[in-house]
C-alpha atoms as a PDB file:
ATOM      1  CA  MET A   1      24.508  16.195 -10.700  1.00  0.00           C
ATOM      2  CA  SER A   2      23.579  17.521  -7.295  1.00  0.00           C
ATOM      3  CA  ARG A   3      23.999  15.150  -4.377  1.00  0.00           C
ATOM      4  CA  ALA A   4      20.572  16.325  -3.137  1.00  0.00           C
ATOM      5  CA  ILE A   5      18.891  14.293  -5.889  1.00  0.00           C
ATOM      6  CA  ALA A   6      19.482  11.016  -4.107  1.00  0.00           C
ATOM      7  CA  HIS A   7      16.044   9.675  -3.227  1.00  0.00           C
ATOM      8  CA  VAL A   8      14.577   6.886  -5.328  1.00  0.00           C
ATOM      9  CA  HIS A   9      11.093   5.354  -5.273  1.00  0.00           C
ATOM     10  CA  LEU A  10      11.043   1.990  -7.020  1.00  0.00           C
ATOM     11  CA  HIS A  11       7.707   0.516  -8.075  1.00  0.00           C
ATOM     12  CA  LEU A  12       7.791  -3.252  -8.639  1.00  0.00           C
ATOM     13  CA  PRO A  13       5.297  -5.639 -10.182  1.00  0.00           C
ATOM     14  CA  ARG A  14       2.995  -7.359  -7.701  1.00  0.00           C
ATOM     15  CA  SER A  15       4.516 -10.581  -6.437  1.00  0.00           C
ATOM     16  CA  GLY A  16       4.318 -12.984  -3.532  1.00  0.00           C
ATOM     17  CA  ASP A  17       5.897 -12.224  -0.168  1.00  0.00           C
ATOM     18  CA  GLU A  18       8.906 -14.502  -0.759  1.00  0.00           C
ATOM     19  CA  THR A  19       9.577 -13.072  -4.227  1.00  0.00           C
ATOM     20  CA  TYR A  20       9.474  -9.563  -2.788  1.00  0.00           C
ATOM     21  CA  ARG A  21      12.092 -10.548  -0.221  1.00  0.00           C
ATOM     22  CA  GLN A  22      14.340 -11.876  -2.985  1.00  0.00           C
ATOM     23  CA  LEU A  23      13.921  -8.672  -4.983  1.00  0.00           C
ATOM     24  CA  PHE A  24      14.907  -6.748  -1.880  1.00  0.00           C
ATOM     25  CA  THR A  25      18.352  -8.425  -1.821  1.00  0.00           C
ATOM     26  CA  VAL A  26      19.110  -6.875  -5.230  1.00  0.00           C
ATOM     27  CA  LEU A  27      18.207  -3.406  -3.945  1.00  0.00           C
ATOM     28  CA  ALA A  28      20.517  -3.845  -0.960  1.00  0.00           C
ATOM     29  CA  GLY A  29      23.341  -4.549  -3.425  1.00  0.00           C
ATOM     30  CA  ILE A  30      23.092  -0.947  -4.653  1.00  0.00           C
ATOM     31  CA  THR A  31      22.737   0.831  -1.302  1.00  0.00           C
ATOM     32  CA  PRO A  32      22.267  -0.303   2.317  1.00  0.00           C
ATOM     33  CA  VAL A  33      19.790   2.545   2.879  1.00  0.00           C
ATOM     34  CA  VAL A  34      16.667   0.784   1.592  1.00  0.00           C
ATOM     35  CA  GLN A  35      13.203   0.963   3.108  1.00  0.00           C
ATOM     36  CA  ALA A  36      10.710  -1.736   2.206  1.00  0.00           C
ATOM     37  CA  LEU A  37       7.216  -0.603   1.222  1.00  0.00           C
ATOM     38  CA  PRO A  38       5.479  -3.974   0.845  1.00  0.00           C
ATOM     39  CA  ALA A  39       4.185  -5.363  -1.322  1.00  0.00           C
ATOM     40  CA  ASP A  40       5.264  -3.563  -4.476  1.00  0.00           C
ATOM     41  CA  ALA A  41       7.607  -0.656  -3.719  1.00  0.00           C
ATOM     42  CA  ALA A  42      10.793   0.423  -1.971  1.00  0.00           C
ATOM     43  CA  LEU A  43      12.575   3.661  -1.101  1.00  0.00           C
ATOM     44  CA  LEU A  44      16.315   4.079  -1.580  1.00  0.00           C
ATOM     45  CA  ASP A  45      18.755   6.797  -0.535  1.00  0.00           C
ATOM     46  CA  LEU A  46      21.608   6.772  -3.061  1.00  0.00           C
ATOM     47  CA  THR A  47      23.731   9.436  -1.375  1.00  0.00           C
ATOM     48  CA  GLY A  48      26.524   7.042  -0.431  1.00  0.00           C
ATOM     49  CA  ALA A  49      26.237   4.922  -3.581  1.00  0.00           C
ATOM     50  CA  LEU A  50      26.826   7.748  -6.090  1.00  0.00           C
ATOM     51  CA  ARG A  51      30.555   8.003  -5.437  1.00  0.00           C
ATOM     52  CA  TYR A  52      31.005   4.257  -4.945  1.00  0.00           C
ATOM     53  CA  PHE A  53      29.541   3.391  -8.353  1.00  0.00           C
ATOM     54  CA  ASP A  54      30.740   6.650  -9.957  1.00  0.00           C
ATOM     55  CA  ARG A  55      27.328   7.130 -11.595  1.00  0.00           C
ATOM     56  CA  ASP A  56      24.539   9.644 -11.292  1.00  0.00           C
ATOM     57  CA  PRO A  57      21.135   8.633  -9.811  1.00  0.00           C
ATOM     58  CA  ALA A  58      19.506   8.015 -13.207  1.00  0.00           C
ATOM     59  CA  GLN A  59      22.362   5.721 -14.257  1.00  0.00           C
ATOM     60  CA  LEU A  60      22.163   3.850 -10.956  1.00  0.00           C
ATOM     61  CA  ALA A  61      18.404   3.454 -11.385  1.00  0.00           C
ATOM     62  CA  SER A  62      18.936   2.014 -14.871  1.00  0.00           C
ATOM     63  CA  LEU A  63      21.536  -0.386 -13.451  1.00  0.00           C
ATOM     64  CA  LEU A  64      19.049  -1.455 -10.788  1.00  0.00           C
ATOM     65  CA  GLN A  65      16.330  -2.034 -13.396  1.00  0.00           C
ATOM     66  CA  LEU A  66      18.767  -4.113 -15.452  1.00  0.00           C
ATOM     67  CA  ARG A  67      19.707  -6.304 -12.482  1.00  0.00           C
ATOM     68  CA  LEU A  68      16.071  -6.911 -11.552  1.00  0.00           C
ATOM     69  CA  ALA A  69      15.200  -7.787 -15.151  1.00  0.00           C
ATOM     70  CA  ALA A  70      18.194 -10.097 -15.578  1.00  0.00           C
ATOM     71  CA  ARG A  71      17.716 -11.978 -12.306  1.00  0.00           C
ATOM     72  CA  PHE A  72      13.934 -12.049 -11.923  1.00  0.00           C
ATOM     73  CA  GLY A  73      12.545 -11.000 -15.291  1.00  0.00           C
ATOM     74  CA  VAL A  74      10.641  -8.083 -13.742  1.00  0.00           C
ATOM     75  CA  GLN A  75      10.151  -4.601 -15.211  1.00  0.00           C
ATOM     76  CA  SER A  76      10.214  -1.785 -12.667  1.00  0.00           C
ATOM     77  CA  THR A  77       9.319   1.915 -12.685  1.00  0.00           C
ATOM     78  CA  VAL A  78      11.570   4.453 -10.972  1.00  0.00           C
ATOM     79  CA  GLY A  79      11.064   7.984  -9.682  1.00  0.00           C
ATOM     80  CA  ILE A  80      14.015  10.123  -8.556  1.00  0.00           C
ATOM     81  CA  GLY A  81      13.722  13.363  -6.629  1.00  0.00           C
ATOM     82  CA  PRO A  82      15.310  15.636  -4.016  1.00  0.00           C
ATOM     83  CA  ASN A  83      13.229  14.098  -1.220  1.00  0.00           C
ATOM     84  CA  ARG A  84      10.992  11.147  -0.444  1.00  0.00           C
ATOM     85  CA  MET A  85       7.724  12.732  -1.465  1.00  0.00           C
ATOM     86  CA  LEU A  86       8.984  14.041  -4.800  1.00  0.00           C
ATOM     87  CA  ALA A  87      10.610  10.711  -5.652  1.00  0.00           C
ATOM     88  CA  THR A  88       7.342   8.901  -4.919  1.00  0.00           C
ATOM     89  CA  LEU A  89       5.276  11.331  -6.984  1.00  0.00           C
ATOM     90  CA  ALA A  90       7.785  11.039  -9.833  1.00  0.00           C
ATOM     91  CA  ALA A  91       7.353   7.253  -9.783  1.00  0.00           C
ATOM     92  CA  GLN A  92       3.566   7.460  -9.617  1.00  0.00           C
ATOM     93  CA  THR A  93       3.382   9.761 -12.638  1.00  0.00           C
ATOM     94  CA  ALA A  94       6.087   8.050 -14.723  1.00  0.00           C
ATOM     95  CA  ASP A  95       5.295   5.863 -17.696  1.00  0.00           C
ATOM     96  CA  PRO A  96       5.580   2.144 -16.831  1.00  0.00           C
ATOM     97  CA  THR A  97       9.140   0.715 -16.839  1.00  0.00           C
ATOM     98  CA  THR A  98      10.729   4.181 -17.232  1.00  0.00           C
ATOM     99  CA  VAL A  99      12.936   6.353 -15.021  1.00  0.00           C
ATOM    100  CA  GLN A 100      11.602   9.850 -14.257  1.00  0.00           C
ATOM    101  CA  VAL A 101      14.007  12.341 -12.691  1.00  0.00           C
ATOM    102  CA  LEU A 102      12.706  15.449 -10.936  1.00  0.00           C
ATOM    103  CA  PRO A 103      15.657  17.867 -10.672  1.00  0.00           C
ATOM    104  CA  ASP A 104      16.539  19.768  -7.525  1.00  0.00           C
ATOM    105  CA  ASP A 105      15.269  23.050  -8.943  1.00  0.00           C
ATOM    106  CA  PRO A 106      12.436  25.033  -7.293  1.00  0.00           C
ATOM    107  CA  ARG A 107      10.907  26.107 -10.608  1.00  0.00           C
ATOM    108  CA  ALA A 108      10.909  22.538 -11.959  1.00  0.00           C
ATOM    109  CA  VAL A 109       9.384  21.243  -8.710  1.00  0.00           C
ATOM    110  CA  THR A 110       6.653  23.895  -8.810  1.00  0.00           C
ATOM    111  CA  ALA A 111       5.856  23.174 -12.474  1.00  0.00           C
ATOM    112  CA  PHE A 112       5.634  19.453 -11.659  1.00  0.00           C
ATOM    113  CA  LEU A 113       3.473  19.782  -8.531  1.00  0.00           C
ATOM    114  CA  ASP A 114       1.021  22.533  -9.503  1.00  0.00           C
ATOM    115  CA  PRO A 115      -1.237  20.531 -11.887  1.00  0.00           C
ATOM    116  CA  LEU A 116      -1.403  17.469  -9.619  1.00  0.00           C
ATOM    117  CA  PRO A 117      -4.611  16.839  -7.644  1.00  0.00           C
ATOM    118  CA  VAL A 118      -4.406  17.555  -3.927  1.00  0.00           C
ATOM    119  CA  ARG A 119      -5.059  13.857  -3.283  1.00  0.00           C
ATOM    120  CA  ALA A 120      -1.677  13.040  -4.847  1.00  0.00           C
ATOM    121  CA  LEU A 121       0.112  14.488  -1.808  1.00  0.00           C
ATOM    122  CA  PRO A 122       0.982  11.901   0.849  1.00  0.00           C
ATOM    123  CA  ASP A 123      -1.250  11.720   3.916  1.00  0.00           C
ATOM    124  CA  VAL A 124      -4.100  13.618   2.212  1.00  0.00           C
ATOM    125  CA  GLY A 125      -7.102  11.330   2.542  1.00  0.00           C
ATOM    126  CA  PRO A 126     -10.617  11.570   1.092  1.00  0.00           C
ATOM    127  CA  ARG A 127     -11.962  13.565   4.031  1.00  0.00           C
ATOM    128  CA  THR A 128      -9.282  16.259   3.846  1.00  0.00           C
ATOM    129  CA  SER A 129      -9.595  16.314   0.054  1.00  0.00           C
ATOM    130  CA  ARG A 130     -13.360  16.926   0.291  1.00  0.00           C
ATOM    131  CA  THR A 131     -12.831  19.705   2.828  1.00  0.00           C
ATOM    132  CA  LEU A 132     -10.340  21.446   0.556  1.00  0.00           C
ATOM    133  CA  ALA A 133     -12.561  20.954  -2.509  1.00  0.00           C
ATOM    134  CA  ALA A 134     -15.387  22.754  -0.705  1.00  0.00           C
ATOM    135  CA  TYR A 135     -13.128  25.821  -0.689  1.00  0.00           C
ATOM    136  CA  GLY A 136     -12.222  25.418  -4.370  1.00  0.00           C
ATOM    137  CA  LEU A 137      -8.806  23.859  -3.699  1.00  0.00           C
ATOM    138  CA  ALA A 138      -8.534  20.921  -6.097  1.00  0.00           C
ATOM    139  CA  THR A 139      -4.907  21.093  -7.285  1.00  0.00           C
ATOM    140  CA  VAL A 140      -1.565  21.469  -5.541  1.00  0.00           C
ATOM    141  CA  GLY A 141      -1.054  24.807  -7.306  1.00  0.00           C
ATOM    142  CA  GLU A 142      -4.282  26.169  -5.846  1.00  0.00           C
ATOM    143  CA  LEU A 143      -3.300  24.831  -2.427  1.00  0.00           C
ATOM    144  CA  ARG A 144       0.141  26.449  -2.628  1.00  0.00           C
ATOM    145  CA  GLY A 145      -1.415  29.870  -3.127  1.00  0.00           C
ATOM    146  CA  VAL A 146      -3.268  29.737   0.214  1.00  0.00           C
ATOM    147  CA  PRO A 147      -1.541  31.111   3.357  1.00  0.00           C
ATOM    148  CA  ARG A 148      -0.645  28.553   5.983  1.00  0.00           C
ATOM    149  CA  ALA A 149      -2.829  30.231   8.600  1.00  0.00           C
ATOM    150  CA  THR A 150      -5.849  29.918   6.309  1.00  0.00           C
ATOM    151  CA  LEU A 151      -5.162  26.226   5.713  1.00  0.00           C
ATOM    152  CA  GLN A 152      -4.918  25.714   9.464  1.00  0.00           C
ATOM    153  CA  ARG A 153      -8.325  27.326   9.953  1.00  0.00           C
ATOM    154  CA  ILE A 154      -9.843  25.196   7.183  1.00  0.00           C
ATOM    155  CA  THR A 155      -8.414  21.954   8.582  1.00  0.00           C
ATOM    156  CA  THR A 156      -6.372  21.761  11.789  1.00  0.00           C
ATOM    157  CA  ALA A 157      -3.136  23.333  12.970  1.00  0.00           C
ATOM    158  CA  GLY A 158      -1.062  20.240  12.247  1.00  0.00           C
ATOM    159  CA  THR A 159      -2.749  19.353   8.964  1.00  0.00           C
ATOM    160  CA  GLY A 160      -2.586  22.925   7.666  1.00  0.00           C
ATOM    161  CA  ARG A 161       1.129  23.163   8.411  1.00  0.00           C
ATOM    162  CA  LEU A 162       1.745  19.809   6.683  1.00  0.00           C
ATOM    163  CA  LEU A 163      -0.304  20.796   3.612  1.00  0.00           C
ATOM    164  CA  ALA A 164       1.575  24.079   3.236  1.00  0.00           C
ATOM    165  CA  GLU A 165       4.933  22.314   3.351  1.00  0.00           C
ATOM    166  CA  ARG A 166       3.964  19.485   0.990  1.00  0.00           C
ATOM    167  CA  ALA A 167       2.411  21.893  -1.546  1.00  0.00           C
ATOM    168  CA  ARG A 168       5.804  23.618  -1.790  1.00  0.00           C
ATOM    169  CA  GLY A 169       7.629  20.330  -2.312  1.00  0.00           C
ATOM    170  CA  HIS A 170       9.130  20.134   1.178  1.00  0.00           C
ATOM    171  CA  ASP A 171       9.422  16.766   2.914  1.00  0.00           C
ATOM    172  CA  PRO A 172      11.913  16.349   5.800  1.00  0.00           C
ATOM    173  CA  ARG A 173      11.359  12.604   6.130  1.00  0.00           C
ATOM    174  CA  THR A 174      14.372  10.380   5.550  1.00  0.00           C
ATOM    175  CA  VAL A 175      14.583   6.846   4.218  1.00  0.00           C
ATOM    176  CA  GLN A 176      14.400   4.480   7.192  1.00  0.00           C
ATOM    177  CA  PRO A 177      16.478   1.364   6.429  1.00  0.00           C
ATOM    178  CA  GLY A 178      14.493  -1.777   6.983  1.00  0.00           C
ATOM    179  CA  GLY A 179      13.793  -5.013   5.160  1.00  0.00           C
ATOM    180  CA  PRO A 180      10.407  -6.543   4.482  1.00  0.00           C
ATOM    181  CA  PRO A 181       8.591  -7.217   7.757  1.00  0.00           C
ATOM    182  CA  ALA A 182       6.948 -10.518   8.531  1.00  0.00           C
ATOM    183  CA  LEU A 183       3.544 -10.131   6.930  1.00  0.00           C
ATOM    184  CA  LEU A 184       1.026 -11.717   4.604  1.00  0.00           C
ATOM    185  CA  THR A 185      -0.551  -9.757   1.758  1.00  0.00           C
ATOM    186  CA  ALA A 186      -3.802 -10.176  -0.180  1.00  0.00           C
ATOM    187  CA  ARG A 187      -4.674  -7.882  -3.095  1.00  0.00           C
ATOM    188  CA  ARG A 188      -7.873  -7.531  -5.103  1.00  0.00           C
ATOM    189  CA  ASP A 189      -8.128  -5.624  -8.395  1.00  0.00           C
ATOM    190  CA  PHE A 190     -11.552  -4.573  -9.632  1.00  0.00           C
ATOM    191  CA  GLY A 191     -12.434  -5.255 -13.247  1.00  0.00           C
ATOM    192  CA  ARG A 192     -13.348  -1.584 -13.522  1.00  0.00           C
ATOM    193  CA  ASP A 193     -13.289   1.336 -11.108  1.00  0.00           C
ATOM    194  CA  THR A 194     -16.177   0.772  -8.717  1.00  0.00           C
ATOM    195  CA  VAL A 195     -18.314   2.673  -6.241  1.00  0.00           C
ATOM    196  CA  ASP A 196     -20.553  -0.322  -5.502  1.00  0.00           C
ATOM    197  CA  PRO A 197     -20.452  -1.036  -1.736  1.00  0.00           C
ATOM    198  CA  ASP A 198     -21.456  -4.687  -2.214  1.00  0.00           C
ATOM    199  CA  THR A 199     -18.520  -5.276  -4.566  1.00  0.00           C
ATOM    200  CA  VAL A 200     -16.164  -3.674  -2.063  1.00  0.00           C
ATOM    201  CA  ARG A 201     -17.496  -5.733   0.832  1.00  0.00           C
ATOM    202  CA  ARG A 202     -17.121  -8.940  -1.183  1.00  0.00           C
ATOM    203  CA  ALA A 203     -13.513  -7.991  -1.848  1.00  0.00           C
ATOM    204  CA  LEU A 204     -12.902  -7.396   1.860  1.00  0.00           C
ATOM    205  CA  LEU A 205     -14.490 -10.750   2.709  1.00  0.00           C
ATOM    206  CA  SER A 206     -12.406 -12.480   0.039  1.00  0.00           C
ATOM    207  CA  CYS A 207      -9.200 -11.007   1.464  1.00  0.00           C
ATOM    208  CA  ALA A 208     -10.173 -12.061   4.987  1.00  0.00           C
ATOM    209  CA  LEU A 209     -10.856 -15.611   3.814  1.00  0.00           C
ATOM    210  CA  GLU A 210      -7.507 -15.815   2.021  1.00  0.00           C
ATOM    211  CA  LEU A 211      -5.454 -14.385   4.863  1.00  0.00           C
ATOM    212  CA  GLY A 212      -7.231 -16.478   7.493  1.00  0.00           C
ATOM    213  CA  ALA A 213      -6.539 -19.672   5.527  1.00  0.00           C
ATOM    214  CA  ARG A 214      -2.894 -18.756   4.952  1.00  0.00           C
ATOM    215  CA  LEU A 215      -2.372 -17.889   8.620  1.00  0.00           C
ATOM    216  CA  ARG A 216      -3.790 -21.216   9.750  1.00  0.00           C
ATOM    217  CA  THR A 217      -1.825 -23.151   7.130  1.00  0.00           C
ATOM    218  CA  GLY A 218       1.378 -21.485   8.295  1.00  0.00           C
ATOM    219  CA  GLY A 219       0.618 -21.949  11.991  1.00  0.00           C
ATOM    220  CA  GLN A 220       0.592 -18.199  12.577  1.00  0.00           C
ATOM    221  CA  VAL A 221      -1.605 -15.479  14.029  1.00  0.00           C
ATOM    222  CA  ALA A 222      -1.701 -11.786  13.130  1.00  0.00           C
ATOM    223  CA  GLY A 223      -1.615  -8.953  15.642  1.00  0.00           C
ATOM    224  CA  ARG A 224      -2.336  -6.108  13.233  1.00  0.00           C
ATOM    225  CA  LEU A 225      -4.249  -5.487   9.992  1.00  0.00           C
ATOM    226  CA  GLU A 226      -3.596  -2.808   7.391  1.00  0.00           C
ATOM    227  CA  LEU A 227      -5.996  -1.851   4.587  1.00  0.00           C
ATOM    228  CA  GLU A 228      -4.743   0.161   1.607  1.00  0.00           C
ATOM    229  CA  ILE A 229      -7.184   1.437  -1.025  1.00  0.00           C
ATOM    230  CA  ARG A 230      -6.035   2.457  -4.505  1.00  0.00           C
ATOM    231  CA  LEU A 231      -8.348   5.036  -6.073  1.00  0.00           C
ATOM    232  CA  ALA A 232      -9.163   5.771  -9.710  1.00  0.00           C
ATOM    233  CA  ASP A 233      -6.930   8.883  -9.756  1.00  0.00           C
ATOM    234  CA  ARG A 234      -3.933   6.661  -8.840  1.00  0.00           C
ATOM    235  CA  SER A 235      -3.761   8.040  -5.303  1.00  0.00           C
ATOM    236  CA  SER A 236      -4.109   5.770  -2.306  1.00  0.00           C
ATOM    237  CA  THR A 237      -5.303   5.912   1.270  1.00  0.00           C
ATOM    238  CA  GLY A 238      -5.426   3.450   4.121  1.00  0.00           C
ATOM    239  CA  ARG A 239      -5.752   2.611   7.774  1.00  0.00           C
ATOM    240  CA  SER A 240      -4.211   0.063  10.117  1.00  0.00           C
ATOM    241  CA  ARG A 241      -5.263  -1.186  13.521  1.00  0.00           C
ATOM    242  CA  ALA A 242      -3.958  -3.563  16.135  1.00  0.00           C
ATOM    243  CA  LEU A 243      -6.184  -6.489  17.081  1.00  0.00           C
ATOM    244  CA  GLY A 244      -7.264  -6.908  20.671  1.00  0.00           C
ATOM    245  CA  GLU A 245      -5.738 -10.372  20.577  1.00  0.00           C
ATOM    246  CA  ALA A 246      -3.663 -11.946  17.799  1.00  0.00           C
ATOM    247  CA  THR A 247      -5.817 -14.268  15.711  1.00  0.00           C
ATOM    248  CA  ASP A 248      -6.154 -16.440  12.623  1.00  0.00           C
ATOM    249  CA  HIS A 249      -9.963 -16.388  12.760  1.00  0.00           C
ATOM    250  CA  THR A 250     -11.529 -15.308   9.480  1.00  0.00           C
ATOM    251  CA  GLY A 251     -14.565 -13.758  11.146  1.00  0.00           C
ATOM    252  CA  THR A 252     -12.454 -11.482  13.321  1.00  0.00           C
ATOM    253  CA  LEU A 253     -10.329 -10.439  10.349  1.00  0.00           C
ATOM    254  CA  HIS A 254     -13.241  -9.542   8.090  1.00  0.00           C
ATOM    255  CA  THR A 255     -15.081  -7.634  10.841  1.00  0.00           C
ATOM    256  CA  LEU A 256     -11.975  -5.512  11.425  1.00  0.00           C
ATOM    257  CA  LEU A 257     -11.554  -4.960   7.672  1.00  0.00           C
ATOM    258  CA  TYR A 258     -15.130  -3.685   7.403  1.00  0.00           C
ATOM    259  CA  ASP A 259     -14.432  -1.289  10.292  1.00  0.00           C
ATOM    260  CA  LEU A 260     -11.197  -0.059   8.692  1.00  0.00           C
ATOM    261  CA  HIS A 261     -12.951   0.545   5.383  1.00  0.00           C
ATOM    262  CA  ASP A 262     -15.839   2.401   7.027  1.00  0.00           C
ATOM    263  CA  SER A 263     -13.400   4.603   8.944  1.00  0.00           C
ATOM    264  CA  LEU A 264     -11.894   5.877   5.674  1.00  0.00           C
ATOM    265  CA  GLY A 265     -15.129   7.689   4.799  1.00  0.00           C
ATOM    266  CA  LEU A 266     -14.720   6.984   1.079  1.00  0.00           C
ATOM    267  CA  GLN A 267     -18.442   7.401   0.305  1.00  0.00           C
ATOM    268  CA  ARG A 268     -18.680   7.677  -3.510  1.00  0.00           C
ATOM    269  CA  ALA A 269     -14.943   7.483  -4.258  1.00  0.00           C
ATOM    270  CA  ARG A 270     -14.109   5.248  -7.234  1.00  0.00           C
ATOM    271  CA  LEU A 271     -11.976   2.298  -6.126  1.00  0.00           C
ATOM    272  CA  ARG A 272      -9.472   0.562  -8.384  1.00  0.00           C
ATOM    273  CA  ALA A 273      -7.833  -1.976  -6.065  1.00  0.00           C
ATOM    274  CA  MET A 274      -7.284  -2.884  -2.432  1.00  0.00           C
ATOM    275  CA  THR A 275      -4.441  -4.479  -0.521  1.00  0.00           C
ATOM    276  CA  VAL A 276      -4.757  -6.060   2.919  1.00  0.00           C
ATOM    277  CA  ARG A 277      -1.699  -6.856   5.031  1.00  0.00           C
ATOM    278  CA  ALA A 278      -1.674  -9.118   8.070  1.00  0.00           C
ATOM    279  CA  GLN A 279       1.195  -7.875  10.244  1.00  0.00           C
ATOM    280  CA  ALA A 280       2.859  -8.580  13.599  1.00  0.00           C
ATOM    281  CA  LEU A 281       2.857 -12.310  12.853  1.00  0.00           C
ATOM    282  CA  ARG A 282       3.846 -14.854  15.464  1.00  0.00           C
ATOM    283  CA  PRO A 283       3.408 -18.595  16.051  1.00  0.00           C
ATOM    284  CA  VAL A 284      -0.104 -19.691  16.897  1.00  0.00           C
ATOM    285  CA  GLU A 285       1.223 -21.441  20.024  1.00  0.00           C
ATOM    286  CA  SER A 286       2.000 -18.038  21.544  1.00  0.00           C
ATOM    287  CA  ALA A 287      -1.555 -16.735  21.115  1.00  0.00           C
ATOM    288  CA  THR A 288      -4.279 -16.736  23.732  1.00  0.00           C
ATOM    289  CA  VAL A 289      -7.985 -17.015  22.953  1.00  0.00           C
ATOM    290  CA  GLN A 290     -10.474 -15.280  25.207  1.00  0.00           C
ATOM    291  CA  LEU A 291     -13.392 -17.450  26.239  1.00  0.00           C
ATOM    292  CA  SER A 292     -16.690 -16.437  24.713  1.00  0.00           C
ATOM    293  CA  PHE A 293     -20.272 -17.261  25.627  1.00  0.00           C
ATOM    294  CA  ASP A 294     -21.505 -16.095  22.212  1.00  0.00           C
ATOM    295  CA  ARG A 295     -22.707 -19.320  20.586  1.00  0.00           C
ATOM    296  CA  ARG A 296     -22.856 -17.816  17.090  1.00  0.00           C
ATOM    297  CA  ALA A 297     -19.285 -16.530  17.382  1.00  0.00           C
ATOM    298  CA  GLU A 298     -18.067 -19.962  18.484  1.00  0.00           C
ATOM    299  CA  LEU A 299     -19.872 -21.641  15.585  1.00  0.00           C
ATOM    300  CA  ARG A 300     -18.260 -19.241  13.137  1.00  0.00           C
ATOM    301  CA  ARG A 301     -14.867 -20.019  14.642  1.00  0.00           C
ATOM    302  CA  ARG A 302     -15.486 -23.755  14.188  1.00  0.00           C
ATOM    303  CA  LEU A 303     -16.232 -23.147  10.513  1.00  0.00           C
ATOM    304  CA  ASP A 304     -12.625 -22.163   9.759  1.00  0.00           C
ATOM    305  CA  PRO A 305     -11.042 -25.651  10.083  1.00  0.00           C
ATOM    306  CA  VAL A 306     -13.952 -27.160   8.130  1.00  0.00           C
ATOM    307  CA  MET A 307     -13.232 -24.847   5.194  1.00  0.00           C
ATOM    308  CA  ASP A 308      -9.507 -25.560   5.496  1.00  0.00           C
ATOM    309  CA  ARG A 309     -10.086 -29.337   5.266  1.00  0.00           C
ATOM    310  CA  ALA A 310     -12.400 -28.895   2.277  1.00  0.00           C
ATOM    311  CA  ALA A 311      -9.746 -26.809   0.514  1.00  0.00           C
ATOM    312  CA  ALA A 312      -7.061 -29.399   1.301  1.00  0.00           C
ATOM    313  CA  CYS A 313      -9.181 -32.236  -0.107  1.00  0.00           C
ATOM    314  CA  PHE A 314     -10.882 -30.567  -3.082  1.00  0.00           C
ATOM    315  CA  GLY A 315      -8.905 -27.395  -3.771  1.00  0.00           C
ATOM    316  CA  PRO A 316      -9.429 -23.691  -3.014  1.00  0.00           C
ATOM    317  CA  GLY A 317     -13.026 -22.577  -3.397  1.00  0.00           C
ATOM    318  CA  ALA A 318     -14.535 -26.023  -2.791  1.00  0.00           C
ATOM    319  CA  LEU A 319     -16.364 -24.496   0.168  1.00  0.00           C
ATOM    320  CA  THR A 320     -16.846 -20.747   0.372  1.00  0.00           C
ATOM    321  CA  ARG A 321     -19.223 -17.975   1.383  1.00  0.00           C
ATOM    322  CA  ALA A 322     -22.354 -17.477  -0.710  1.00  0.00           C
ATOM    323  CA  ALA A 323     -21.598 -13.765  -1.114  1.00  0.00           C
ATOM    324  CA  LEU A 324     -18.485 -14.591  -3.140  1.00  0.00           C
ATOM    325  CA  LEU A 325     -20.475 -16.595  -5.691  1.00  0.00           C
ATOM    326  CA  LEU A 326     -22.135 -13.408  -6.948  1.00  0.00           C
ATOM    327  CA  THR A 327     -20.829 -12.010 -10.220  1.00  0.00           C
ATOM    328  CA  GLY A 328     -18.933  -8.784 -10.665  1.00  0.00           C
ATOM    329  CA  GLY A 329     -16.560  -9.344  -7.770  1.00  0.00           C
ATOM    330  CA  PRO A 330     -12.871  -8.444  -7.563  1.00  0.00           C
ATOM    331  CA  ARG A 331     -10.030 -10.365  -9.129  1.00  0.00           C
ATOM    332  CA  THR A 332      -6.986 -11.671  -7.333  1.00  0.00           C
ATOM    333  CA  ALA A 333      -3.991  -9.772  -8.665  1.00  0.00           C
ATOM    334  CA  PRO A 334      -1.934 -11.788 -11.175  1.00  0.00           C
ATOM    335  CA  GLY A 335       1.098 -13.185  -9.433  1.00  0.00           C
ATOM    336  CA  GLY A 336      -0.317 -12.200  -6.069  1.00  0.00           C
ATOM    337  CA  PRO A 337       0.009 -14.352  -2.974  1.00  0.00           C
ATOM    338  CA  GLY A 338      -2.317 -17.271  -2.848  1.00  0.00           C
ATOM    339  CA  GLY A 339      -5.654 -17.333  -4.591  1.00  0.00           C
ATOM    340  CA  ALA A 340      -9.093 -16.185  -3.774  1.00  0.00           C
ATOM    341  CA  PRO A 341     -10.740 -18.883  -1.705  1.00  0.00           C
ATOM    342  CA  GLY A 342     -13.921 -18.413  -3.604  1.00  0.00           C
END
């Protein structure tokens, strides 16, 4: 089998941060070139491992699945392809717990990509997708038939060039070795795909409450927030932003999450799930708090330790926001970190 087919995208069941780190040690036992994609995926470059194990990529992927199942009891899904993008798309379109191999053959790659929606391509967000749809470009096959110069006029010079390359299955990115970063993750699954803005805002508030409580319990502050949205067509989009000052304050976290969500311009997109990651963690002792003369802001800040003490005495959800008591809200992912505070 061609050495070019050496990229693997591994999709794991949702788990807590510590469990993910333990799973990552098994991946490193196959190849040192592993890139963490918290909280449920990883990229592997098997180029050096093929000769060492004397197996082809599909056999190595099956060995990896076996080790994960034997040690942790988890069932994983694997996509294998000539580059990062194709491996990821192979994993996203594979049946659960299977291994899907996309061969290093231009005709096979074209046949695989052409029927996929444009949104399946990495870095194509809702706004770009809507722009392309206005010109009748809904699938990768339709996109591939458009000259690069035309795509650049429709979008921008950089975006048009990227779209033309991705539509032809080209992706020069390499796997960047790196273990799981220090972060906290909160995920919310919706009972059904939703377009209801109130449901989405309750989910964002719930994530902010959970992460704020976990930061304070661990004596940490976050310097960056990332929001990832999973859509009904199985594609995803997201944004991240650094905080002006590292914080564990729930109010600051949920305000930034609202801003991140609004910046995505999802409008009537159907949402399936969301994941929020608190990144750039450091000890609370190293953080500075800017003085504020906003009385309401200070009162909201004082509410955090009150809710923490109520949770410690009476359990999570003993004291929560009224908005989270409404029905039809999101569910905390099974096996996910922590629980919804409300």
